[in-house]
Amino acid sequence: MKIGQSRQDYFDICYKLNQKKLIVSGQRSLNPELILESKGDSVKGRNIKMSFNGIFNEKKIILVGVPGAFTPTCSNEHLPGYIENYDSFISKGVDEVYFVSVNDPFVMDKWGESIKSNVKFIADSDGEFMKKSGFEIDLSAAGLGNRLTRFSMLIDNGLIIEIFDENGPGLDVSKASNMLNKI
């Protein structure tokens, strides 16, 4: 960050430099390994490593990407909309709603425990999904390192139907209300 440059200007520049998305609507999803948090499972305390396709094939799901668990915008603005609209998503044929972040599985597990909802949480602990998808942003200026951009996507039996990508800071495009209107 240069002297006289605001943090917001720096983030805007970072987002513009990282616009190369590797997945688009209408394609089959990638197959990185992700770690499911184990909230409510009989294997509580153990992490379950599964492939992306193993989690999302044969289901209609919503996947929401966020820069970090417990961060203010993610926890106070983005996640609550999906919790409040969870039953509406299910009534429209969605099987599950997942939040993914580049965090370790223990953090994602605690985030899931803290909100008491049916939304599920996934750790992209080594950033494999972030790298393979192109939904990557360098937030080192904020002390976060490389993270997922903010997005939501509708996936039906492994096929990406729609992507709502913020393409920059803020929360507008990937809100639950936009997803609900699309389904």
N, C-alpha and C. Protein backbone atom coordinates (compact mmCIF):
# COMPACT_ATOMS: atom_id res chain seq x y z
N MET A 1 0.85 -1.15 0.00
CA MET A 1 0.00 0.00 0.00
C MET A 1 0.91 1.23 0.00
N LYS A 2 0.59 2.20 -0.82
CA LYS A 2 1.37 3.42 -0.92
C LYS A 2 0.91 4.45 0.09
N ILE A 3 1.82 5.34 0.46
CA ILE A 3 1.46 6.43 1.36
C ILE A 3 0.37 7.27 0.71
N GLY A 4 -0.65 7.61 1.48
CA GLY A 4 -1.76 8.41 0.96
C GLY A 4 -2.86 7.59 0.30
N GLN A 5 -2.63 6.29 0.16
CA GLN A 5 -3.63 5.42 -0.46
C GLN A 5 -4.50 4.79 0.63
N SER A 6 -5.79 4.89 0.47
CA SER A 6 -6.68 4.32 1.48
C SER A 6 -6.70 2.81 1.37
N ARG A 7 -7.10 2.16 2.45
CA ARG A 7 -7.21 0.70 2.46
C ARG A 7 -8.23 0.25 1.41
N GLN A 8 -9.36 0.99 1.27
CA GLN A 8 -10.38 0.64 0.29
C GLN A 8 -9.83 0.72 -1.13
N ASP A 9 -9.04 1.78 -1.43
CA ASP A 9 -8.42 1.90 -2.75
C ASP A 9 -7.50 0.71 -3.02
N TYR A 10 -6.74 0.31 -1.99
CA TYR A 10 -5.84 -0.82 -2.13
C TYR A 10 -6.62 -2.10 -2.44
N PHE A 11 -7.72 -2.34 -1.70
CA PHE A 11 -8.54 -3.52 -1.95
C PHE A 11 -9.12 -3.48 -3.36
N ASP A 12 -9.59 -2.31 -3.80
CA ASP A 12 -10.14 -2.17 -5.16
C ASP A 12 -9.11 -2.56 -6.20
N ILE A 13 -7.87 -2.12 -6.01
CA ILE A 13 -6.79 -2.46 -6.95
C ILE A 13 -6.53 -3.96 -6.93
N CYS A 14 -6.48 -4.56 -5.74
CA CYS A 14 -6.25 -6.01 -5.62
C CYS A 14 -7.32 -6.79 -6.36
N TYR A 15 -8.59 -6.40 -6.20
CA TYR A 15 -9.67 -7.10 -6.88
C TYR A 15 -9.53 -6.97 -8.39
N LYS A 16 -9.17 -5.80 -8.89
CA LYS A 16 -9.03 -5.60 -10.33
C LYS A 16 -7.90 -6.45 -10.89
N LEU A 17 -6.86 -6.68 -10.10
CA LEU A 17 -5.73 -7.49 -10.55
C LEU A 17 -6.05 -8.98 -10.55
N ASN A 18 -7.08 -9.38 -9.83
CA ASN A 18 -7.41 -10.80 -9.68
C ASN A 18 -8.75 -11.13 -10.32
N GLN A 19 -8.98 -10.70 -11.55
CA GLN A 19 -10.27 -10.90 -12.19
C GLN A 19 -10.35 -12.18 -13.01
N LYS A 20 -9.29 -12.96 -13.08
CA LYS A 20 -9.29 -14.17 -13.90
C LYS A 20 -10.01 -15.31 -13.19
N LYS A 21 -11.26 -15.53 -13.56
CA LYS A 21 -12.04 -16.61 -12.97
C LYS A 21 -11.85 -17.86 -13.83
N LEU A 22 -11.62 -18.97 -13.20
CA LEU A 22 -11.37 -20.21 -13.90
C LEU A 22 -12.61 -21.07 -14.04
N ILE A 23 -13.67 -20.74 -13.31
CA ILE A 23 -14.93 -21.45 -13.46
C ILE A 23 -16.01 -20.45 -13.81
N VAL A 24 -16.95 -20.89 -14.61
CA VAL A 24 -18.03 -20.02 -15.07
C VAL A 24 -19.35 -20.79 -15.01
N SER A 25 -20.45 -20.05 -15.08
CA SER A 25 -21.76 -20.69 -15.13
C SER A 25 -21.84 -21.60 -16.34
N GLY A 26 -22.52 -22.72 -16.18
CA GLY A 26 -22.71 -23.65 -17.28
C GLY A 26 -21.65 -24.72 -17.40
N GLN A 27 -20.68 -24.74 -16.53
CA GLN A 27 -19.66 -25.79 -16.60
C GLN A 27 -19.76 -26.70 -15.39
N ARG A 28 -19.20 -27.87 -15.54
CA ARG A 28 -19.13 -28.81 -14.43
C ARG A 28 -18.14 -28.26 -13.42
N SER A 29 -18.42 -28.49 -12.17
CA SER A 29 -17.55 -27.95 -11.12
C SER A 29 -16.20 -28.64 -11.12
N LEU A 30 -15.25 -27.98 -10.51
CA LEU A 30 -13.91 -28.53 -10.34
C LEU A 30 -13.96 -29.59 -9.25
N ASN A 31 -12.87 -30.29 -9.04
CA ASN A 31 -12.91 -31.36 -8.05
C ASN A 31 -11.77 -31.30 -7.04
N PRO A 32 -11.57 -30.14 -6.38
CA PRO A 32 -10.56 -30.11 -5.33
C PRO A 32 -11.07 -30.83 -4.09
N GLU A 33 -10.15 -31.17 -3.19
CA GLU A 33 -10.57 -31.74 -1.92
C GLU A 33 -10.87 -30.61 -0.94
N LEU A 34 -11.94 -30.75 -0.21
CA LEU A 34 -12.36 -29.78 0.79
C LEU A 34 -12.59 -30.52 2.10
N ILE A 35 -12.62 -29.78 3.19
CA ILE A 35 -12.84 -30.42 4.49
C ILE A 35 -14.18 -29.95 5.05
N LEU A 36 -15.08 -30.90 5.22
CA LEU A 36 -16.38 -30.60 5.81
C LEU A 36 -16.23 -30.50 7.32
N GLU A 37 -16.86 -29.48 7.91
CA GLU A 37 -16.90 -29.45 9.37
C GLU A 37 -17.86 -30.53 9.81
N SER A 38 -17.69 -30.99 11.03
CA SER A 38 -18.40 -32.19 11.45
C SER A 38 -19.56 -31.92 12.41
N LYS A 39 -20.11 -30.71 12.39
CA LYS A 39 -21.21 -30.36 13.28
C LYS A 39 -22.37 -31.35 13.15
N GLY A 40 -22.75 -31.96 14.26
CA GLY A 40 -23.90 -32.84 14.27
C GLY A 40 -23.64 -34.25 13.74
N ASP A 41 -22.43 -34.55 13.30
CA ASP A 41 -22.14 -35.87 12.78
C ASP A 41 -21.69 -36.79 13.92
N SER A 42 -21.79 -38.09 13.66
CA SER A 42 -21.37 -39.06 14.66
C SER A 42 -19.85 -39.05 14.84
N VAL A 43 -19.16 -38.41 13.92
CA VAL A 43 -17.70 -38.36 14.00
C VAL A 43 -17.24 -37.01 14.55
N LYS A 44 -18.03 -36.41 15.42
CA LYS A 44 -17.72 -35.10 15.98
C LYS A 44 -16.27 -35.06 16.45
N GLY A 45 -15.61 -33.98 16.08
CA GLY A 45 -14.22 -33.84 16.48
C GLY A 45 -13.24 -34.32 15.44
N ARG A 46 -13.74 -35.04 14.44
CA ARG A 46 -12.87 -35.47 13.33
C ARG A 46 -13.31 -34.74 12.09
N ASN A 47 -12.35 -34.36 11.28
CA ASN A 47 -12.67 -33.68 10.03
C ASN A 47 -12.85 -34.69 8.92
N ILE A 48 -13.75 -34.40 8.03
CA ILE A 48 -14.06 -35.30 6.93
C ILE A 48 -13.54 -34.67 5.65
N LYS A 49 -12.54 -35.27 5.02
CA LYS A 49 -12.00 -34.75 3.78
C LYS A 49 -12.73 -35.41 2.62
N MET A 50 -13.33 -34.58 1.78
CA MET A 50 -14.10 -35.09 0.64
C MET A 50 -13.77 -34.29 -0.60
N SER A 51 -14.01 -34.90 -1.74
CA SER A 51 -13.84 -34.16 -2.99
C SER A 51 -15.03 -33.24 -3.19
N PHE A 52 -14.83 -32.19 -3.94
CA PHE A 52 -15.89 -31.24 -4.28
C PHE A 52 -17.07 -31.99 -4.89
N ASN A 53 -16.79 -32.87 -5.85
CA ASN A 53 -17.86 -33.63 -6.50
C ASN A 53 -18.55 -34.58 -5.54
N GLY A 54 -17.79 -35.13 -4.60
CA GLY A 54 -18.39 -36.01 -3.61
C GLY A 54 -19.39 -35.30 -2.71
N ILE A 55 -19.17 -34.02 -2.50
CA ILE A 55 -20.08 -33.23 -1.67
C ILE A 55 -21.29 -32.78 -2.46
N PHE A 56 -21.09 -32.36 -3.72
CA PHE A 56 -22.12 -31.64 -4.44
C PHE A 56 -22.83 -32.40 -5.56
N ASN A 57 -22.32 -33.56 -5.97
CA ASN A 57 -23.03 -34.31 -7.01
C ASN A 57 -24.32 -34.89 -6.45
N GLU A 58 -25.30 -35.05 -7.34
CA GLU A 58 -26.61 -35.61 -7.00
C GLU A 58 -27.38 -34.75 -6.00
N LYS A 59 -27.05 -33.46 -5.95
CA LYS A 59 -27.74 -32.52 -5.06
C LYS A 59 -27.86 -31.18 -5.77
N LYS A 60 -28.82 -30.41 -5.32
CA LYS A 60 -28.93 -29.00 -5.72
C LYS A 60 -28.50 -28.20 -4.50
N ILE A 61 -27.40 -27.46 -4.64
CA ILE A 61 -26.86 -26.77 -3.48
C ILE A 61 -26.56 -25.31 -3.79
N ILE A 62 -26.42 -24.55 -2.75
CA ILE A 62 -25.92 -23.19 -2.83
C ILE A 62 -24.57 -23.20 -2.13
N LEU A 63 -23.55 -22.69 -2.81
CA LEU A 63 -22.22 -22.56 -2.23
C LEU A 63 -21.91 -21.07 -2.12
N VAL A 64 -21.60 -20.63 -0.92
CA VAL A 64 -21.29 -19.22 -0.68
C VAL A 64 -19.83 -19.13 -0.24
N GLY A 65 -19.05 -18.35 -0.97
CA GLY A 65 -17.65 -18.13 -0.63
C GLY A 65 -17.49 -16.82 0.09
N VAL A 66 -16.69 -16.85 1.15
CA VAL A 66 -16.44 -15.63 1.93
C VAL A 66 -14.94 -15.53 2.24
N PRO A 67 -14.44 -14.31 2.43
CA PRO A 67 -13.02 -14.14 2.75
C PRO A 67 -12.61 -14.76 4.07
N GLY A 68 -13.49 -14.79 5.07
CA GLY A 68 -13.08 -15.38 6.34
C GLY A 68 -14.21 -15.62 7.31
N ALA A 69 -14.07 -16.67 8.08
CA ALA A 69 -15.02 -16.95 9.15
C ALA A 69 -14.89 -15.89 10.23
N PHE A 70 -15.98 -15.55 10.85
CA PHE A 70 -16.03 -14.61 11.96
C PHE A 70 -15.67 -13.17 11.57
N THR A 71 -15.43 -12.89 10.31
CA THR A 71 -15.13 -11.51 9.91
C THR A 71 -16.44 -10.71 9.93
N PRO A 72 -16.38 -9.41 10.15
CA PRO A 72 -17.60 -8.63 10.33
C PRO A 72 -18.62 -8.73 9.19
N THR A 73 -18.22 -8.50 7.96
CA THR A 73 -19.19 -8.55 6.86
C THR A 73 -19.71 -9.97 6.66
N CYS A 74 -18.83 -10.95 6.76
CA CYS A 74 -19.24 -12.34 6.56
C CYS A 74 -20.24 -12.79 7.63
N SER A 75 -19.92 -12.51 8.88
CA SER A 75 -20.75 -12.98 10.00
C SER A 75 -21.99 -12.13 10.26
N ASN A 76 -21.87 -10.83 10.08
CA ASN A 76 -22.95 -9.93 10.46
C ASN A 76 -23.89 -9.55 9.31
N GLU A 77 -23.43 -9.74 8.06
CA GLU A 77 -24.25 -9.32 6.93
C GLU A 77 -24.53 -10.44 5.92
N HIS A 78 -23.49 -11.18 5.52
CA HIS A 78 -23.66 -12.17 4.46
C HIS A 78 -24.37 -13.43 4.96
N LEU A 79 -23.82 -14.05 5.98
CA LEU A 79 -24.37 -15.29 6.53
C LEU A 79 -25.81 -15.16 7.03
N PRO A 80 -26.17 -14.10 7.75
CA PRO A 80 -27.56 -14.02 8.27
C PRO A 80 -28.64 -14.11 7.19
N GLY A 81 -28.40 -13.57 6.02
CA GLY A 81 -29.40 -13.67 4.94
C GLY A 81 -29.65 -15.10 4.52
N TYR A 82 -28.61 -15.91 4.49
CA TYR A 82 -28.76 -17.31 4.10
C TYR A 82 -29.42 -18.12 5.23
N ILE A 83 -29.15 -17.75 6.46
CA ILE A 83 -29.81 -18.41 7.59
C ILE A 83 -31.31 -18.08 7.58
N GLU A 84 -31.63 -16.80 7.43
CA GLU A 84 -33.03 -16.36 7.44
C GLU A 84 -33.83 -16.95 6.28
N ASN A 85 -33.20 -17.19 5.14
CA ASN A 85 -33.89 -17.69 3.96
C ASN A 85 -33.70 -19.19 3.74
N TYR A 86 -33.09 -19.88 4.70
CA TYR A 86 -32.80 -21.30 4.55
C TYR A 86 -34.04 -22.10 4.18
N ASP A 87 -35.12 -21.95 4.90
CA ASP A 87 -36.34 -22.71 4.63
C ASP A 87 -36.92 -22.37 3.25
N SER A 88 -36.79 -21.13 2.83
CA SER A 88 -37.26 -20.74 1.49
C SER A 88 -36.43 -21.43 0.41
N PHE A 89 -35.12 -21.53 0.62
CA PHE A 89 -34.26 -22.24 -0.34
C PHE A 89 -34.67 -23.70 -0.42
N ILE A 90 -34.89 -24.32 0.72
CA ILE A 90 -35.27 -25.74 0.75
C ILE A 90 -36.61 -25.93 0.04
N SER A 91 -37.56 -25.02 0.27
CA SER A 91 -38.88 -25.14 -0.37
C SER A 91 -38.79 -24.97 -1.89
N LYS A 92 -37.71 -24.35 -2.37
CA LYS A 92 -37.53 -24.18 -3.82
C LYS A 92 -36.65 -25.28 -4.42
N GLY A 93 -36.41 -26.34 -3.64
CA GLY A 93 -35.70 -27.50 -4.18
C GLY A 93 -34.21 -27.57 -3.89
N VAL A 94 -33.69 -26.63 -3.13
CA VAL A 94 -32.28 -26.69 -2.75
C VAL A 94 -32.12 -27.72 -1.63
N ASP A 95 -31.12 -28.59 -1.77
CA ASP A 95 -30.88 -29.62 -0.76
C ASP A 95 -30.08 -29.11 0.43
N GLU A 96 -29.06 -28.27 0.15
CA GLU A 96 -28.20 -27.81 1.24
C GLU A 96 -27.58 -26.46 0.88
N VAL A 97 -27.21 -25.72 1.91
CA VAL A 97 -26.50 -24.44 1.75
C VAL A 97 -25.17 -24.59 2.47
N TYR A 98 -24.09 -24.27 1.77
CA TYR A 98 -22.74 -24.38 2.31
C TYR A 98 -22.03 -23.02 2.26
N PHE A 99 -21.25 -22.74 3.28
CA PHE A 99 -20.33 -21.61 3.27
C PHE A 99 -18.92 -22.18 3.24
N VAL A 100 -18.07 -21.61 2.38
CA VAL A 100 -16.68 -22.05 2.26
C VAL A 100 -15.77 -20.85 2.47
N SER A 101 -14.66 -21.10 3.14
CA SER A 101 -13.66 -20.06 3.36
C SER A 101 -12.29 -20.69 3.47
N VAL A 102 -11.27 -19.91 3.16
CA VAL A 102 -9.89 -20.36 3.36
C VAL A 102 -9.57 -20.17 4.84
N ASN A 103 -9.94 -21.16 5.60
CA ASN A 103 -9.68 -21.23 7.04
C ASN A 103 -9.41 -22.68 7.37
N ASP A 104 -8.88 -22.93 8.55
CA ASP A 104 -8.69 -24.31 8.94
C ASP A 104 -10.03 -24.91 9.38
N PRO A 105 -10.15 -26.22 9.35
CA PRO A 105 -11.42 -26.86 9.67
C PRO A 105 -11.91 -26.61 11.09
N PHE A 106 -11.01 -26.35 12.01
CA PHE A 106 -11.42 -26.10 13.39
C PHE A 106 -12.12 -24.75 13.51
N VAL A 107 -11.63 -23.76 12.78
CA VAL A 107 -12.27 -22.44 12.77
C VAL A 107 -13.65 -22.55 12.12
N MET A 108 -13.74 -23.26 11.00
CA MET A 108 -15.03 -23.39 10.33
C MET A 108 -16.02 -24.17 11.20
N ASP A 109 -15.53 -25.16 11.92
CA ASP A 109 -16.39 -25.91 12.84
C ASP A 109 -16.93 -25.00 13.94
N LYS A 110 -16.09 -24.17 14.51
CA LYS A 110 -16.52 -23.25 15.57
C LYS A 110 -17.48 -22.20 15.02
N TRP A 111 -17.25 -21.74 13.79
CA TRP A 111 -18.16 -20.78 13.18
C TRP A 111 -19.54 -21.41 13.03
N GLY A 112 -19.56 -22.65 12.56
CA GLY A 112 -20.82 -23.38 12.42
C GLY A 112 -21.53 -23.56 13.75
N GLU A 113 -20.79 -23.93 14.77
CA GLU A 113 -21.38 -24.11 16.10
C GLU A 113 -21.94 -22.81 16.65
N SER A 114 -21.32 -21.69 16.30
CA SER A 114 -21.71 -20.41 16.88
C SER A 114 -23.02 -19.87 16.33
N ILE A 115 -23.48 -20.37 15.19
CA ILE A 115 -24.66 -19.76 14.58
C ILE A 115 -25.93 -20.58 14.71
N LYS A 116 -25.85 -21.81 15.08
CA LYS A 116 -27.04 -22.63 15.35
C LYS A 116 -28.04 -22.60 14.18
N SER A 117 -27.62 -23.11 13.04
CA SER A 117 -28.52 -23.19 11.89
C SER A 117 -28.22 -24.45 11.09
N ASN A 118 -28.97 -24.66 10.03
CA ASN A 118 -28.76 -25.82 9.15
C ASN A 118 -27.73 -25.56 8.06
N VAL A 119 -27.23 -24.34 7.95
CA VAL A 119 -26.18 -24.03 6.99
C VAL A 119 -24.95 -24.83 7.37
N LYS A 120 -24.26 -25.38 6.37
CA LYS A 120 -23.07 -26.18 6.61
C LYS A 120 -21.83 -25.37 6.24
N PHE A 121 -20.69 -25.75 6.82
CA PHE A 121 -19.46 -25.01 6.63
C PHE A 121 -18.36 -25.93 6.12
N ILE A 122 -17.56 -25.38 5.19
CA ILE A 122 -16.48 -26.13 4.56
C ILE A 122 -15.19 -25.34 4.69
N ALA A 123 -14.13 -26.03 5.04
CA ALA A 123 -12.80 -25.42 5.11
C ALA A 123 -12.04 -25.72 3.82
N ASP A 124 -11.61 -24.68 3.15
CA ASP A 124 -10.67 -24.82 2.03
C ASP A 124 -9.30 -24.54 2.62
N SER A 125 -8.87 -25.45 3.50
CA SER A 125 -7.74 -25.18 4.38
C SER A 125 -6.42 -24.94 3.65
N ASP A 126 -6.22 -25.57 2.52
CA ASP A 126 -4.97 -25.33 1.79
C ASP A 126 -5.17 -24.42 0.58
N GLY A 127 -6.38 -23.88 0.42
CA GLY A 127 -6.65 -22.95 -0.67
C GLY A 127 -6.78 -23.60 -2.04
N GLU A 128 -6.94 -24.92 -2.09
CA GLU A 128 -7.00 -25.61 -3.38
C GLU A 128 -8.21 -25.16 -4.20
N PHE A 129 -9.37 -25.07 -3.58
CA PHE A 129 -10.55 -24.60 -4.30
C PHE A 129 -10.35 -23.15 -4.76
N MET A 130 -9.82 -22.32 -3.87
CA MET A 130 -9.56 -20.92 -4.20
C MET A 130 -8.69 -20.82 -5.45
N LYS A 131 -7.62 -21.59 -5.49
CA LYS A 131 -6.69 -21.53 -6.62
C LYS A 131 -7.30 -22.11 -7.89
N LYS A 132 -7.99 -23.24 -7.78
CA LYS A 132 -8.56 -23.88 -8.96
C LYS A 132 -9.75 -23.11 -9.53
N SER A 133 -10.44 -22.36 -8.68
CA SER A 133 -11.63 -21.64 -9.14
C SER A 133 -11.30 -20.27 -9.70
N GLY A 134 -10.19 -19.67 -9.24
CA GLY A 134 -9.87 -18.30 -9.63
C GLY A 134 -10.56 -17.27 -8.76
N PHE A 135 -11.33 -17.68 -7.77
CA PHE A 135 -11.98 -16.75 -6.86
C PHE A 135 -11.01 -16.39 -5.73
N GLU A 136 -9.92 -15.78 -6.12
CA GLU A 136 -8.81 -15.51 -5.19
C GLU A 136 -8.52 -14.02 -5.13
N ILE A 137 -8.28 -13.55 -3.93
CA ILE A 137 -7.91 -12.16 -3.71
C ILE A 137 -6.81 -12.10 -2.66
N ASP A 138 -5.84 -11.24 -2.89
CA ASP A 138 -4.76 -11.04 -1.92
C ASP A 138 -5.18 -9.94 -0.95
N LEU A 139 -5.49 -10.33 0.27
CA LEU A 139 -5.89 -9.38 1.30
C LEU A 139 -4.79 -9.23 2.36
N SER A 140 -3.55 -9.34 1.90
CA SER A 140 -2.41 -9.21 2.82
C SER A 140 -2.40 -7.85 3.52
N ALA A 141 -2.86 -6.81 2.84
CA ALA A 141 -2.88 -5.48 3.44
C ALA A 141 -3.75 -5.43 4.69
N ALA A 142 -4.72 -6.33 4.77
CA ALA A 142 -5.60 -6.40 5.94
C ALA A 142 -5.15 -7.51 6.90
N GLY A 143 -4.00 -8.11 6.61
CA GLY A 143 -3.48 -9.17 7.47
C GLY A 143 -4.12 -10.52 7.24
N LEU A 144 -4.82 -10.70 6.11
CA LEU A 144 -5.55 -11.94 5.85
C LEU A 144 -4.86 -12.87 4.85
N GLY A 145 -3.91 -12.37 4.08
CA GLY A 145 -3.27 -13.19 3.05
C GLY A 145 -4.21 -13.46 1.90
N ASN A 146 -3.96 -14.53 1.15
CA ASN A 146 -4.82 -14.89 0.03
C ASN A 146 -6.09 -15.54 0.54
N ARG A 147 -7.22 -15.06 0.05
CA ARG A 147 -8.52 -15.52 0.49
C ARG A 147 -9.46 -15.67 -0.70
N LEU A 148 -10.60 -16.30 -0.45
CA LEU A 148 -11.65 -16.36 -1.46
C LEU A 148 -12.29 -14.99 -1.60
N THR A 149 -12.70 -14.66 -2.82
CA THR A 149 -13.52 -13.48 -3.01
C THR A 149 -14.91 -13.81 -2.47
N ARG A 150 -15.76 -12.81 -2.39
CA ARG A 150 -17.13 -13.02 -1.91
C ARG A 150 -18.01 -13.39 -3.12
N PHE A 151 -18.66 -14.55 -3.04
CA PHE A 151 -19.52 -15.01 -4.14
C PHE A 151 -20.57 -15.96 -3.59
N SER A 152 -21.56 -16.24 -4.43
CA SER A 152 -22.48 -17.35 -4.18
C SER A 152 -22.71 -18.04 -5.51
N MET A 153 -22.94 -19.32 -5.46
CA MET A 153 -23.23 -20.05 -6.70
C MET A 153 -24.28 -21.13 -6.46
N LEU A 154 -25.07 -21.33 -7.48
CA LEU A 154 -26.08 -22.38 -7.48
C LEU A 154 -25.52 -23.53 -8.30
N ILE A 155 -25.44 -24.71 -7.68
CA ILE A 155 -24.89 -25.89 -8.34
C ILE A 155 -25.94 -26.99 -8.30
N ASP A 156 -26.25 -27.57 -9.46
CA ASP A 156 -27.24 -28.64 -9.54
C ASP A 156 -26.57 -29.87 -10.13
N ASN A 157 -26.44 -30.92 -9.31
CA ASN A 157 -25.80 -32.17 -9.72
C ASN A 157 -24.42 -31.93 -10.34
N GLY A 158 -23.65 -31.06 -9.70
CA GLY A 158 -22.29 -30.78 -10.14
C GLY A 158 -22.18 -29.75 -11.25
N LEU A 159 -23.29 -29.32 -11.81
CA LEU A 159 -23.28 -28.31 -12.87
C LEU A 159 -23.50 -26.93 -12.25
N ILE A 160 -22.62 -26.01 -12.53
CA ILE A 160 -22.74 -24.66 -12.01
C ILE A 160 -23.80 -23.93 -12.84
N ILE A 161 -24.92 -23.62 -12.20
CA ILE A 161 -26.04 -22.98 -12.88
C ILE A 161 -25.85 -21.46 -12.94
N GLU A 162 -25.46 -20.88 -11.83
CA GLU A 162 -25.34 -19.42 -11.75
C GLU A 162 -24.27 -19.06 -10.74
N ILE A 163 -23.50 -18.01 -11.06
CA ILE A 163 -22.50 -17.48 -10.14
C ILE A 163 -22.82 -16.01 -9.89
N PHE A 164 -22.87 -15.65 -8.63
CA PHE A 164 -23.05 -14.25 -8.22
C PHE A 164 -21.74 -13.82 -7.56
N ASP A 165 -20.88 -13.16 -8.32
CA ASP A 165 -19.56 -12.78 -7.84
C ASP A 165 -19.51 -11.28 -7.59
N GLU A 166 -19.06 -10.89 -6.43
CA GLU A 166 -18.99 -9.46 -6.11
C GLU A 166 -17.99 -8.71 -6.98
N ASN A 167 -16.97 -9.39 -7.49
CA ASN A 167 -15.96 -8.73 -8.33
C ASN A 167 -15.41 -7.47 -7.67
N GLY A 168 -15.25 -7.50 -6.40
CA GLY A 168 -14.72 -6.37 -5.65
C GLY A 168 -15.23 -6.40 -4.24
N PRO A 169 -14.82 -5.43 -3.46
CA PRO A 169 -15.26 -5.41 -2.06
C PRO A 169 -16.75 -5.07 -1.96
N GLY A 170 -17.30 -5.34 -0.82
CA GLY A 170 -18.71 -5.04 -0.59
C GLY A 170 -19.57 -6.27 -0.64
N LEU A 171 -20.85 -6.05 -0.40
CA LEU A 171 -21.83 -7.12 -0.41
C LEU A 171 -23.09 -6.61 -1.08
N ASP A 172 -23.32 -7.08 -2.30
CA ASP A 172 -24.52 -6.70 -3.03
C ASP A 172 -25.00 -7.86 -3.89
N VAL A 173 -24.17 -8.29 -4.81
CA VAL A 173 -24.53 -9.30 -5.81
C VAL A 173 -24.78 -10.67 -5.20
N SER A 174 -23.97 -11.07 -4.22
CA SER A 174 -24.03 -12.44 -3.70
C SER A 174 -24.95 -12.60 -2.50
N LYS A 175 -25.77 -11.62 -2.23
CA LYS A 175 -26.71 -11.69 -1.10
C LYS A 175 -27.73 -12.81 -1.31
N ALA A 176 -28.26 -13.30 -0.22
CA ALA A 176 -29.26 -14.38 -0.26
C ALA A 176 -30.49 -13.98 -1.06
N SER A 177 -30.92 -12.74 -0.97
CA SER A 177 -32.12 -12.30 -1.69
C SER A 177 -31.95 -12.44 -3.19
N ASN A 178 -30.76 -12.17 -3.72
CA ASN A 178 -30.50 -12.33 -5.16
C ASN A 178 -30.56 -13.80 -5.56
N MET A 179 -29.99 -14.65 -4.73
CA MET A 179 -30.02 -16.09 -5.01
C MET A 179 -31.46 -16.59 -4.96
N LEU A 180 -32.20 -16.17 -3.98
CA LEU A 180 -33.59 -16.61 -3.84
C LEU A 180 -34.42 -16.21 -5.05
N ASN A 181 -34.19 -15.01 -5.58
CA ASN A 181 -34.91 -14.55 -6.76
C ASN A 181 -34.54 -15.33 -8.00
N LYS A 182 -33.32 -15.89 -8.05
CA LYS A 182 -32.86 -16.63 -9.23
C LYS A 182 -33.44 -18.05 -9.29
N ILE A 183 -33.67 -18.63 -8.14
CA ILE A 183 -34.11 -20.04 -8.10
C ILE A 183 -35.56 -20.15 -8.54
